[in-house]
């Protein structure tokens, strides 16, 4: 009986932590991709300007996608956190 209480308590404490780690990883991956592409734009600009402009356009589209992902991640975080907290009430 005591073991079951310990396992359930640990589960309830780990869920929001795992949710935060997942959120951080998703947002960090997008930011790293944007950083890598913007570095490629800066490196290609003096060498091949046409490819650099195309890459900058892709960077703009990726930035819009990253904003959408951030909004969706915030919604999922709040939704799951509220569901986890409702389980405890």
PDB file of N, CA and C in Angstrom:
ATOM      1  N   UNK A   1       0.827  -1.197   0.000  1.00  0.00           N
ATOM      2  CA  UNK A   1       0.000   0.000   0.000  1.00  0.00           C
ATOM      3  C   UNK A   1       0.871   1.260   0.000  1.00  0.00           C
ATOM      4  N   UNK A   2       1.877   1.288   0.847  1.00  0.00           N
ATOM      5  CA  UNK A   2       2.755   2.452   0.933  1.00  0.00           C
ATOM      6  C   UNK A   2       3.526   2.650  -0.363  1.00  0.00           C
ATOM      7  N   UNK A   3       3.907   1.565  -1.004  1.00  0.00           N
ATOM      8  CA  UNK A   3       4.644   1.647  -2.261  1.00  0.00           C
ATOM      9  C   UNK A   3       3.774   2.278  -3.347  1.00  0.00           C
ATOM     10  N   UNK A   4       2.501   1.912  -3.364  1.00  0.00           N
ATOM     11  CA  UNK A   4       1.585   2.475  -4.353  1.00  0.00           C
ATOM     12  C   UNK A   4       1.419   3.979  -4.162  1.00  0.00           C
ATOM     13  N   UNK A   5       1.335   4.426  -2.933  1.00  0.00           N
ATOM     14  CA  UNK A   5       1.228   5.865  -2.645  1.00  0.00           C
ATOM     15  C   UNK A   5       2.488   6.588  -3.104  1.00  0.00           C
ATOM     16  N   UNK A   6       3.633   5.988  -2.848  1.00  0.00           N
ATOM     17  CA  UNK A   6       4.908   6.589  -3.261  1.00  0.00           C
ATOM     18  C   UNK A   6       5.004   6.682  -4.782  1.00  0.00           C
ATOM     19  N   UNK A   7       4.580   5.643  -5.485  1.00  0.00           N
ATOM     20  CA  UNK A   7       4.633   5.643  -6.950  1.00  0.00           C
ATOM     21  C   UNK A   7       3.687   6.687  -7.522  1.00  0.00           C
ATOM     22  N   UNK A   8       2.473   6.768  -6.993  1.00  0.00           N
ATOM     23  CA  UNK A   8       1.504   7.759  -7.479  1.00  0.00           C
ATOM     24  C   UNK A   8       1.973   9.181  -7.197  1.00  0.00           C
ATOM     25  N   UNK A   9       2.529   9.416  -6.037  1.00  0.00           N
ATOM     26  CA  UNK A   9       3.039  10.748  -5.696  1.00  0.00           C
ATOM     27  C   UNK A   9       4.182  11.138  -6.627  1.00  0.00           C
ATOM     28  N   UNK A  10       5.076  10.212  -6.878  1.00  0.00           N
ATOM     29  CA  UNK A  10       6.184  10.473  -7.795  1.00  0.00           C
ATOM     30  C   UNK A  10       5.662  10.760  -9.204  1.00  0.00           C
ATOM     31  N   UNK A  11       4.671  10.004  -9.631  1.00  0.00           N
ATOM     32  CA  UNK A  11       4.079  10.213 -10.949  1.00  0.00           C
ATOM     33  C   UNK A  11       3.471  11.609 -11.063  1.00  0.00           C
ATOM     34  N   UNK A  12       2.777  12.041 -10.035  1.00  0.00           N
ATOM     35  CA  UNK A  12       2.147  13.361 -10.064  1.00  0.00           C
ATOM     36  C   UNK A  12       3.178  14.487 -10.074  1.00  0.00           C
ATOM     37  N   UNK A  13       4.321  14.259  -9.437  1.00  0.00           N
ATOM     38  CA  UNK A  13       5.366  15.289  -9.418  1.00  0.00           C
ATOM     39  C   UNK A  13       6.173  15.313 -10.714  1.00  0.00           C
ATOM     40  N   UNK A  14       6.320  14.152 -11.349  1.00  0.00           N
ATOM     41  CA  UNK A  14       7.142  14.054 -12.552  1.00  0.00           C
ATOM     42  C   UNK A  14       6.417  14.585 -13.787  1.00  0.00           C
ATOM     43  N   UNK A  15       5.101  14.441 -13.865  1.00  0.00           N
ATOM     44  CA  UNK A  15       4.357  14.854 -15.062  1.00  0.00           C
ATOM     45  C   UNK A  15       4.600  16.317 -15.447  1.00  0.00           C
ATOM     46  N   UNK A  16       4.402  17.285 -14.556  1.00  0.00           N
ATOM     47  CA  UNK A  16       4.661  18.677 -14.964  1.00  0.00           C
ATOM     48  C   UNK A  16       6.127  18.927 -15.311  1.00  0.00           C
ATOM     49  N   UNK A  17       7.025  18.238 -14.632  1.00  0.00           N
ATOM     50  CA  UNK A  17       8.451  18.389 -14.937  1.00  0.00           C
ATOM     51  C   UNK A  17       8.751  17.878 -16.349  1.00  0.00           C
ATOM     52  N   UNK A  18       8.215  16.710 -16.691  1.00  0.00           N
ATOM     53  CA  UNK A  18       8.423  16.157 -18.035  1.00  0.00           C
ATOM     54  C   UNK A  18       7.787  17.059 -19.086  1.00  0.00           C
ATOM     55  N   UNK A  19       6.642  17.635 -18.770  1.00  0.00           N
ATOM     56  CA  UNK A  19       5.982  18.564 -19.687  1.00  0.00           C
ATOM     57  C   UNK A  19       6.853  19.795 -19.934  1.00  0.00           C
ATOM     58  N   UNK A  20       7.455  20.321 -18.889  1.00  0.00           N
ATOM     59  CA  UNK A  20       8.342  21.474 -19.037  1.00  0.00           C
ATOM     60  C   UNK A  20       9.587  21.155 -19.846  1.00  0.00           C
ATOM     61  N   UNK A  21      10.141  19.964 -19.637  1.00  0.00           N
ATOM     62  CA  UNK A  21      11.331  19.555 -20.394  1.00  0.00           C
ATOM     63  C   UNK A  21      10.987  19.411 -21.877  1.00  0.00           C
ATOM     64  N   UNK A  22       9.814  18.819 -22.173  1.00  0.00           N
ATOM     65  CA  UNK A  22       9.398  18.669 -23.567  1.00  0.00           C
ATOM     66  C   UNK A  22       9.189  20.024 -24.235  1.00  0.00           C
ATOM     67  N   UNK A  23       8.556  20.938 -23.510  1.00  0.00           N
ATOM     68  CA  UNK A  23       8.325  22.278 -24.036  1.00  0.00           C
ATOM     69  C   UNK A  23       9.658  22.983 -24.315  1.00  0.00           C
ATOM     70  N   UNK A  24      10.576  22.899 -23.384  1.00  0.00           N
ATOM     71  CA  UNK A  24      11.892  23.525 -23.550  1.00  0.00           C
ATOM     72  C   UNK A  24      12.647  22.931 -24.738  1.00  0.00           C
ATOM     73  N   UNK A  25      12.593  21.616 -24.886  1.00  0.00           N
ATOM     74  CA  UNK A  25      13.303  20.965 -25.993  1.00  0.00           C
ATOM     75  C   UNK A  25      12.715  21.378 -27.344  1.00  0.00           C
ATOM     76  N   UNK A  26      11.399  21.439 -27.436  1.00  0.00           N
ATOM     77  CA  UNK A  26      10.767  21.828 -28.703  1.00  0.00           C
ATOM     78  C   UNK A  26      11.108  23.264 -29.087  1.00  0.00           C
ATOM     79  N   UNK A  27      11.060  24.163 -28.125  1.00  0.00           N
ATOM     80  CA  UNK A  27      11.363  25.559 -28.439  1.00  0.00           C
ATOM     81  C   UNK A  27      12.848  25.764 -28.725  1.00  0.00           C
ATOM     82  N   UNK A  28      13.704  25.051 -27.999  1.00  0.00           N
ATOM     83  CA  UNK A  28      15.146  25.178 -28.230  1.00  0.00           C
ATOM     84  C   UNK A  28      15.537  24.648 -29.606  1.00  0.00           C
ATOM     85  N   UNK A  29      14.919  23.558 -30.030  1.00  0.00           N
ATOM     86  CA  UNK A  29      15.233  22.996 -31.356  1.00  0.00           C
ATOM     87  C   UNK A  29      14.900  23.997 -32.456  1.00  0.00           C
ATOM     88  N   UNK A  30      13.767  24.676 -32.349  1.00  0.00           N
ATOM     89  CA  UNK A  30      13.402  25.676 -33.349  1.00  0.00           C
ATOM     90  C   UNK A  30      14.374  26.848 -33.364  1.00  0.00           C
ATOM     91  N   UNK A  31      14.767  27.291 -32.175  1.00  0.00           N
ATOM     92  CA  UNK A  31      15.705  28.413 -32.109  1.00  0.00           C
ATOM     93  C   UNK A  31      17.071  28.029 -32.671  1.00  0.00           C
ATOM     94  N   UNK A  32      17.506  26.811 -32.423  1.00  0.00           N
ATOM     95  CA  UNK A  32      18.791  26.368 -32.969  1.00  0.00           C
ATOM     96  C   UNK A  32      18.751  26.303 -34.496  1.00  0.00           C
ATOM     97  N   UNK A  33      17.640  25.826 -35.034  1.00  0.00           N
ATOM     98  CA  UNK A  33      17.501  25.757 -36.488  1.00  0.00           C
ATOM     99  C   UNK A  33      17.513  27.159 -37.099  1.00  0.00           C
ATOM    100  N   UNK A  34      16.835  28.092 -36.472  1.00  0.00           N
ATOM    101  CA  UNK A  34      16.843  29.477 -36.955  1.00  0.00           C
ATOM    102  C   UNK A  34      18.259  30.053 -36.897  1.00  0.00           C
ATOM    103  N   UNK A  35      18.987  29.770 -35.820  1.00  0.00           N
ATOM    104  CA  UNK A  35      20.361  30.262 -35.686  1.00  0.00           C
ATOM    105  C   UNK A  35      21.257  29.685 -36.783  1.00  0.00           C
ATOM    106  N   UNK A  36      21.123  28.403 -37.051  1.00  0.00           N
ATOM    107  CA  UNK A  36      21.948  27.772 -38.085  1.00  0.00           C
ATOM    108  C   UNK A  36      21.650  28.336 -39.472  1.00  0.00           C
ATOM    109  N   UNK A  37      20.379  28.527 -39.784  1.00  0.00           N
ATOM    110  CA  UNK A  37      20.021  29.054 -41.105  1.00  0.00           C
ATOM    111  C   UNK A  37      20.440  30.513 -41.238  1.00  0.00           C
ATOM    112  N   UNK A  38      20.301  31.300 -40.168  1.00  0.00           N
ATOM    113  CA  UNK A  38      20.727  32.705 -40.257  1.00  0.00           C
ATOM    114  C   UNK A  38      22.239  32.805 -40.409  1.00  0.00           C
ATOM    115  N   UNK A  39      22.972  31.889 -39.790  1.00  0.00           N
ATOM    116  CA  UNK A  39      24.429  31.866 -39.988  1.00  0.00           C
ATOM    117  C   UNK A  39      24.758  31.516 -41.439  1.00  0.00           C
ATOM    118  N   UNK A  40      24.009  30.578 -42.021  1.00  0.00           N
ATOM    119  CA  UNK A  40      24.227  30.219 -43.422  1.00  0.00           C
ATOM    120  C   UNK A  40      23.932  31.397 -44.340  1.00  0.00           C
ATOM    121  N   UNK A  41      22.905  32.180 -44.011  1.00  0.00           N
ATOM    122  CA  UNK A  41      22.582  33.367 -44.815  1.00  0.00           C
ATOM    123  C   UNK A  41      23.756  34.344 -44.783  1.00  0.00           C
ATOM    124  N   UNK A  42      24.298  34.586 -43.612  1.00  0.00           N
ATOM    125  CA  UNK A  42      25.399  35.550 -43.490  1.00  0.00           C
ATOM    126  C   UNK A  42      26.664  35.065 -44.198  1.00  0.00           C
ATOM    127  N   UNK A  43      26.910  33.745 -44.153  1.00  0.00           N
ATOM    128  CA  UNK A  43      28.102  33.204 -44.806  1.00  0.00           C
ATOM    129  C   UNK A  43      27.935  33.215 -46.329  1.00  0.00           C
ATOM    130  N   UNK A  44      26.722  32.914 -46.811  1.00  0.00           N
ATOM    131  CA  UNK A  44      26.499  32.837 -48.258  1.00  0.00           C
ATOM    132  C   UNK A  44      26.324  34.195 -48.923  1.00  0.00           C
ATOM    133  N   UNK A  45      26.011  35.223 -48.153  1.00  0.00           N
ATOM    134  CA  UNK A  45      25.737  36.532 -48.745  1.00  0.00           C
ATOM    135  C   UNK A  45      26.885  37.054 -49.614  1.00  0.00           C
ATOM    136  N   UNK A  46      28.129  37.054 -49.163  1.00  0.00           N
ATOM    137  CA  UNK A  46      29.192  37.553 -50.054  1.00  0.00           C
ATOM    138  C   UNK A  46      29.572  36.563 -51.164  1.00  0.00           C
ATOM    139  N   UNK A  47      29.316  35.283 -50.954  1.00  0.00           N
ATOM    140  CA  UNK A  47      29.745  34.273 -51.921  1.00  0.00           C
ATOM    141  C   UNK A  47      28.719  34.103 -53.041  1.00  0.00           C
ATOM    142  N   UNK A  48      27.471  33.772 -52.638  1.00  0.00           N
ATOM    143  CA  UNK A  48      26.398  33.517 -53.619  1.00  0.00           C
ATOM    144  C   UNK A  48      25.159  34.285 -53.150  1.00  0.00           C
ATOM    145  N   UNK A  49      25.011  35.532 -53.580  1.00  0.00           N
ATOM    146  CA  UNK A  49      23.889  36.345 -53.083  1.00  0.00           C
ATOM    147  C   UNK A  49      22.506  35.781 -53.416  1.00  0.00           C
ATOM    148  N   UNK A  50      22.345  35.153 -54.574  1.00  0.00           N
ATOM    149  CA  UNK A  50      21.028  34.631 -54.954  1.00  0.00           C
ATOM    150  C   UNK A  50      20.583  33.515 -54.008  1.00  0.00           C
ATOM    151  N   UNK A  51      21.482  32.620 -53.691  1.00  0.00           N
ATOM    152  CA  UNK A  51      21.167  31.532 -52.757  1.00  0.00           C
ATOM    153  C   UNK A  51      20.939  32.098 -51.358  1.00  0.00           C
ATOM    154  N   UNK A  52      21.667  33.136 -51.023  1.00  0.00           N
ATOM    155  CA  UNK A  52      21.499  33.763 -49.713  1.00  0.00           C
ATOM    156  C   UNK A  52      20.105  34.379 -49.575  1.00  0.00           C
ATOM    157  N   UNK A  53      19.616  34.999 -50.635  1.00  0.00           N
ATOM    158  CA  UNK A  53      18.264  35.584 -50.597  1.00  0.00           C
ATOM    159  C   UNK A  53      17.215  34.480 -50.481  1.00  0.00           C
ATOM    160  N   UNK A  54      17.407  33.384 -51.203  1.00  0.00           N
ATOM    161  CA  UNK A  54      16.489  32.240 -51.101  1.00  0.00           C
ATOM    162  C   UNK A  54      16.511  31.658 -49.687  1.00  0.00           C
ATOM    163  N   UNK A  55      17.687  31.532 -49.116  1.00  0.00           N
ATOM    164  CA  UNK A  55      17.812  31.014 -47.754  1.00  0.00           C
ATOM    165  C   UNK A  55      17.180  31.975 -46.745  1.00  0.00           C
ATOM    166  N   UNK A  56      17.301  33.273 -46.974  1.00  0.00           N
ATOM    167  CA  UNK A  56      16.673  34.251 -46.087  1.00  0.00           C
ATOM    168  C   UNK A  56      15.149  34.153 -46.155  1.00  0.00           C
ATOM    169  N   UNK A  57      14.620  33.861 -47.337  1.00  0.00           N
ATOM    170  CA  UNK A  57      13.173  33.654 -47.468  1.00  0.00           C
ATOM    171  C   UNK A  57      12.735  32.422 -46.683  1.00  0.00           C
ATOM    172  N   UNK A  58      13.505  31.362 -46.772  1.00  0.00           N
ATOM    173  CA  UNK A  58      13.216  30.152 -45.996  1.00  0.00           C
ATOM    174  C   UNK A  58      13.299  30.470 -44.497  1.00  0.00           C
ATOM    175  N   UNK A  59      14.255  31.301 -44.126  1.00  0.00           N
ATOM    176  CA  UNK A  59      14.393  31.706 -42.727  1.00  0.00           C
ATOM    177  C   UNK A  59      13.164  32.473 -42.251  1.00  0.00           C
ATOM    178  N   UNK A  60      12.638  33.344 -43.092  1.00  0.00           N
ATOM    179  CA  UNK A  60      11.425  34.082 -42.728  1.00  0.00           C
ATOM    180  C   UNK A  60      10.242  33.131 -42.524  1.00  0.00           C
ATOM    181  N   UNK A  61      10.080  32.168 -43.427  1.00  0.00           N
ATOM    182  CA  UNK A  61       9.005  31.184 -43.291  1.00  0.00           C
ATOM    183  C   UNK A  61       9.187  30.326 -42.039  1.00  0.00           C
ATOM    184  N   UNK A  62      10.423  29.978 -41.747  1.00  0.00           N
ATOM    185  CA  UNK A  62      10.706  29.185 -40.545  1.00  0.00           C
ATOM    186  C   UNK A  62      10.414  29.983 -39.276  1.00  0.00           C
ATOM    187  N   UNK A  63      10.673  31.270 -39.314  1.00  0.00           N
ATOM    188  CA  UNK A  63      10.377  32.118 -38.159  1.00  0.00           C
ATOM    189  C   UNK A  63       8.872  32.191 -37.914  1.00  0.00           C
ATOM    190  N   UNK A  64       8.096  32.295 -38.990  1.00  0.00           N
ATOM    191  CA  UNK A  64       6.633  32.287 -38.851  1.00  0.00           C
ATOM    192  C   UNK A  64       6.170  30.945 -38.284  1.00  0.00           C
ATOM    193  N   UNK A  65       6.758  29.858 -38.774  1.00  0.00           N
ATOM    194  CA  UNK A  65       6.429  28.536 -38.256  1.00  0.00           C
ATOM    195  C   UNK A  65       6.791  28.421 -36.780  1.00  0.00           C
ATOM    196  N   UNK A  66       7.923  28.974 -36.396  1.00  0.00           N
ATOM    197  CA  UNK A  66       8.363  28.921 -34.999  1.00  0.00           C
ATOM    198  C   UNK A  66       7.401  29.696 -34.088  1.00  0.00           C
ATOM    199  N   UNK A  67       6.872  30.802 -34.559  1.00  0.00           N
ATOM    200  CA  UNK A  67       5.881  31.547 -33.777  1.00  0.00           C
ATOM    201  C   UNK A  67       4.621  30.710 -33.597  1.00  0.00           C
ATOM    202  N   UNK A  68       4.187  30.040 -34.672  1.00  0.00           N
ATOM    203  CA  UNK A  68       3.009  29.171 -34.576  1.00  0.00           C
ATOM    204  C   UNK A  68       3.260  28.013 -33.614  1.00  0.00           C
ATOM    205  N   UNK A  69       4.440  27.428 -33.673  1.00  0.00           N
ATOM    206  CA  UNK A  69       4.787  26.333 -32.764  1.00  0.00           C
ATOM    207  C   UNK A  69       4.792  26.818 -31.319  1.00  0.00           C
ATOM    208  N   UNK A  70       5.305  28.019 -31.082  1.00  0.00           N
ATOM    209  CA  UNK A  70       5.332  28.560 -29.722  1.00  0.00           C
ATOM    210  C   UNK A  70       3.912  28.749 -29.184  1.00  0.00           C
ATOM    211  N   UNK A  71       3.006  29.216 -30.025  1.00  0.00           N
ATOM    212  CA  UNK A  71       1.611  29.399 -29.602  1.00  0.00           C
ATOM    213  C   UNK A  71       0.976  28.046 -29.297  1.00  0.00           C
ATOM    214  N   UNK A  72       1.207  27.067 -30.169  1.00  0.00           N
ATOM    215  CA  UNK A  72       0.636  25.736 -29.950  1.00  0.00           C
ATOM    216  C   UNK A  72       1.228  25.097 -28.699  1.00  0.00           C
ATOM    217  N   UNK A  73       2.530  25.239 -28.500  1.00  0.00           N
ATOM    218  CA  UNK A  73       3.171  24.668 -27.321  1.00  0.00           C
ATOM    219  C   UNK A  73       2.635  25.301 -26.034  1.00  0.00           C
ATOM    220  N   UNK A  74       2.400  26.603 -26.066  1.00  0.00           N
ATOM    221  CA  UNK A  74       1.842  27.267 -24.884  1.00  0.00           C
ATOM    222  C   UNK A  74       0.442  26.747 -24.589  1.00  0.00           C
ATOM    223  N   UNK A  75      -0.359  26.563 -25.635  1.00  0.00           N
ATOM    224  CA  UNK A  75      -1.708  26.033 -25.460  1.00  0.00           C
ATOM    225  C   UNK A  75      -1.665  24.622 -24.888  1.00  0.00           C
ATOM    226  N   UNK A  76      -0.824  23.760 -25.448  1.00  0.00           N
ATOM    227  CA  UNK A  76      -0.714  22.383 -24.967  1.00  0.00           C
ATOM    228  C   UNK A  76      -0.219  22.354 -23.527  1.00  0.00           C
ATOM    229  N   UNK A  77       0.756  23.203 -23.208  1.00  0.00           N
ATOM    230  CA  UNK A  77       1.293  23.249 -21.846  1.00  0.00           C
ATOM    231  C   UNK A  77       0.204  23.613 -20.846  1.00  0.00           C
ATOM    232  N   UNK A  78      -0.558  24.646 -21.137  1.00  0.00           N
ATOM    233  CA  UNK A  78      -1.619  25.081 -20.223  1.00  0.00           C
ATOM    234  C   UNK A  78      -2.719  24.021 -20.129  1.00  0.00           C
ATOM    235  N   UNK A  79      -3.087  23.435 -21.257  1.00  0.00           N
ATOM    236  CA  UNK A  79      -4.129  22.412 -21.267  1.00  0.00           C
ATOM    237  C   UNK A  79      -3.715  21.193 -20.453  1.00  0.00           C
ATOM    238  N   UNK A  80      -2.531  20.672 -20.697  1.00  0.00           N
ATOM    239  CA  UNK A  80      -2.089  19.488 -19.964  1.00  0.00           C
ATOM    240  C   UNK A  80      -1.864  19.784 -18.493  1.00  0.00           C
ATOM    241  N   UNK A  81      -1.319  20.950 -18.186  1.00  0.00           N
ATOM    242  CA  UNK A  81      -1.108  21.302 -16.785  1.00  0.00           C
ATOM    243  C   UNK A  81      -2.433  21.407 -16.044  1.00  0.00           C
ATOM    244  N   UNK A  82      -3.438  21.992 -16.680  1.00  0.00           N
ATOM    245  CA  UNK A  82      -4.743  22.081 -16.030  1.00  0.00           C
ATOM    246  C   UNK A  82      -5.371  20.693 -15.858  1.00  0.00           C
ATOM    247  N   UNK A  83      -5.169  19.799 -16.842  1.00  0.00           N
ATOM    248  CA  UNK A  83      -5.671  18.432 -16.697  1.00  0.00           C
ATOM    249  C   UNK A  83      -4.958  17.694 -15.569  1.00  0.00           C
ATOM    250  N   UNK A  84      -3.648  17.879 -15.459  1.00  0.00           N
ATOM    251  CA  UNK A  84      -2.909  17.236 -14.389  1.00  0.00           C
ATOM    252  C   UNK A  84      -3.359  17.755 -13.022  1.00  0.00           C
ATOM    253  N   UNK A  85      -3.609  19.064 -12.943  1.00  0.00           N
ATOM    254  CA  UNK A  85      -4.033  19.617 -11.658  1.00  0.00           C
ATOM    255  C   UNK A  85      -5.457  19.204 -11.309  1.00  0.00           C
ATOM    256  N   UNK A  86      -6.322  19.010 -12.301  1.00  0.00           N
ATOM    257  CA  UNK A  86      -7.687  18.567 -12.023  1.00  0.00           C
ATOM    258  C   UNK A  86      -7.712  17.142 -11.486  1.00  0.00           C
ATOM    259  N   UNK A  87      -6.726  16.315 -11.860  1.00  0.00           N
ATOM    260  CA  UNK A  87      -6.654  14.965 -11.331  1.00  0.00           C
ATOM    261  C   UNK A  87      -6.426  14.958  -9.827  1.00  0.00           C
ATOM    262  N   UNK A  88      -5.799  15.994  -9.310  1.00  0.00           N
ATOM    263  CA  UNK A  88      -5.444  16.037  -7.895  1.00  0.00           C
ATOM    264  C   UNK A  88      -6.547  16.617  -7.017  1.00  0.00           C
ATOM    265  N   UNK A  89      -7.563  17.199  -7.639  1.00  0.00           N
ATOM    266  CA  UNK A  89      -8.614  17.832  -6.843  1.00  0.00           C
ATOM    267  C   UNK A  89      -9.746  16.855  -6.587  1.00  0.00           C
TER     268      UNK A  89
END
